[in-house]
Amino acid sequence: MFIKDGIVYGTENLSETKRVTDVKVLPDRILLITFNNLEQRVFDATVLKGVVFEPLENEEVFRNIIIEHGVITWQNGEIDCAPEYMYEHSYAYVPEQIA
């Protein structure tokens, strides 16, 4: 883990760091995420538990998603999730799986 420009990274060096480059919001709190290695993965955001993530149950809040410094955030950066976590808790995107 290291800190650069005020951001805490979960890997040992920047070249190994997962960063989000694109995200598409799908129904039922599912995200199609593109990472900096060009891999697309499907993340089920219902796994995000705890008081901090409760606002995401509101569809309007959930859809108002922003990528900041490679991290998915909501509510002006008040809610975020580490890209490494999203990568590890997602599965490879297979185009036939999503309509």
Protein backbone atom coordinates (compact mmCIF):
# COMPACT_ATOMS: atom_id res chain seq x y z
CA MET A 1 0.00 0.00 0.00
CA PHE A 2 1.22 3.51 -0.77
CA ILE A 3 -0.05 7.10 -0.96
CA LYS A 4 0.42 9.35 -3.98
CA ASP A 5 -1.19 12.77 -4.42
CA GLY A 6 -3.34 12.15 -1.35
CA ILE A 7 -4.75 8.88 -2.73
CA VAL A 8 -4.19 5.57 -0.92
CA TYR A 9 -3.43 2.67 -3.27
CA GLY A 10 -3.81 -0.98 -2.29
CA THR A 11 -0.79 -2.28 -4.23
CA GLU A 12 2.94 -1.89 -3.82
CA ASN A 13 3.58 0.27 -6.87
CA LEU A 14 1.64 2.42 -9.30
CA SER A 15 2.20 0.16 -12.32
CA GLU A 16 0.23 -2.64 -10.60
CA THR A 17 -2.60 -0.35 -9.55
CA LYS A 18 -6.06 -1.04 -10.90
CA ARG A 19 -7.80 2.09 -12.12
CA VAL A 20 -11.26 2.50 -13.60
CA THR A 21 -11.30 4.15 -17.01
CA ASP A 22 -15.00 3.75 -17.83
CA VAL A 23 -18.19 2.60 -16.16
CA LYS A 24 -21.70 1.86 -17.36
CA VAL A 25 -24.60 1.59 -14.94
CA LEU A 26 -26.87 -1.37 -15.60
CA PRO A 27 -30.16 -2.40 -13.92
CA ASP A 28 -30.23 -3.87 -10.40
CA ARG A 29 -27.11 -2.00 -9.20
CA ILE A 30 -24.81 -3.77 -11.64
CA LEU A 31 -21.81 -1.95 -13.10
CA LEU A 32 -19.90 -2.74 -16.27
CA ILE A 33 -16.42 -1.48 -15.44
CA THR A 34 -13.47 -1.00 -17.79
CA PHE A 35 -10.10 -1.03 -16.03
CA ASN A 36 -6.80 0.50 -17.11
CA ASN A 37 -5.65 -2.89 -18.42
CA LEU A 38 -8.61 -2.65 -20.90
CA GLU A 39 -10.36 -5.55 -19.19
CA GLN A 40 -14.11 -5.20 -18.75
CA ARG A 41 -15.70 -6.74 -15.68
CA VAL A 42 -19.19 -6.92 -14.20
CA PHE A 43 -19.56 -5.77 -10.59
CA ASP A 44 -22.66 -6.33 -8.45
CA ALA A 45 -22.76 -3.26 -6.21
CA THR A 46 -25.26 -4.89 -3.84
CA VAL A 47 -22.19 -6.39 -2.11
CA LEU A 48 -21.33 -2.90 -0.83
CA LYS A 49 -22.70 -3.01 2.72
CA GLY A 50 -22.66 -0.66 5.66
CA VAL A 51 -24.00 2.75 6.56
CA VAL A 52 -21.71 4.58 4.14
CA PHE A 53 -23.19 2.68 1.17
CA GLU A 54 -26.87 3.00 2.16
CA PRO A 55 -27.45 6.06 -0.11
CA LEU A 56 -26.63 3.84 -3.10
CA GLU A 57 -29.92 2.01 -2.57
CA ASN A 58 -31.53 5.12 -4.07
CA GLU A 59 -31.41 4.57 -7.85
CA GLU A 60 -30.92 8.27 -8.60
CA VAL A 61 -27.90 8.44 -6.28
CA PHE A 62 -26.49 5.19 -7.68
CA ARG A 63 -26.82 6.37 -11.29
CA ASN A 64 -25.00 9.64 -10.49
CA ILE A 65 -21.61 7.96 -10.71
CA ILE A 66 -18.29 9.71 -11.37
CA ILE A 67 -14.78 8.41 -11.94
CA GLU A 68 -12.20 10.43 -10.01
CA HIS A 69 -8.50 9.54 -10.32
CA GLY A 70 -9.46 6.04 -11.46
CA VAL A 71 -11.88 5.46 -8.59
CA ILE A 72 -15.67 5.18 -8.84
CA THR A 73 -17.35 7.72 -6.58
CA TRP A 74 -20.82 8.95 -5.71
CA GLN A 75 -22.17 12.03 -3.92
CA ASN A 76 -19.30 14.37 -4.79
CA GLY A 77 -16.69 11.88 -3.63
CA GLU A 78 -18.31 11.18 -0.25
CA ILE A 79 -18.82 7.53 -1.26
CA ASP A 80 -16.21 5.50 -3.11
CA CYS A 81 -14.94 1.99 -3.54
CA ALA A 82 -11.39 0.84 -4.22
CA PRO A 83 -10.88 -0.33 -7.79
CA GLU A 84 -8.90 -3.30 -6.47
CA TYR A 85 -11.95 -4.40 -4.46
CA MET A 86 -14.24 -3.98 -7.44
CA TYR A 87 -11.86 -5.94 -9.63
CA GLU A 88 -11.49 -8.80 -7.14
CA HIS A 89 -15.26 -8.99 -6.51
CA SER A 90 -16.34 -8.88 -10.13
CA TYR A 91 -16.31 -11.31 -13.00
CA ALA A 92 -15.13 -11.13 -16.58
CA TYR A 93 -17.57 -9.51 -18.99
CA VAL A 94 -18.95 -11.81 -21.64
CA PRO A 95 -21.04 -9.73 -24.09
CA GLU A 96 -23.78 -12.36 -24.37
CA GLN A 97 -24.45 -12.12 -20.62
CA ILE A 98 -25.78 -8.57 -20.68
CA ALA A 99 -28.70 -7.41 -22.77
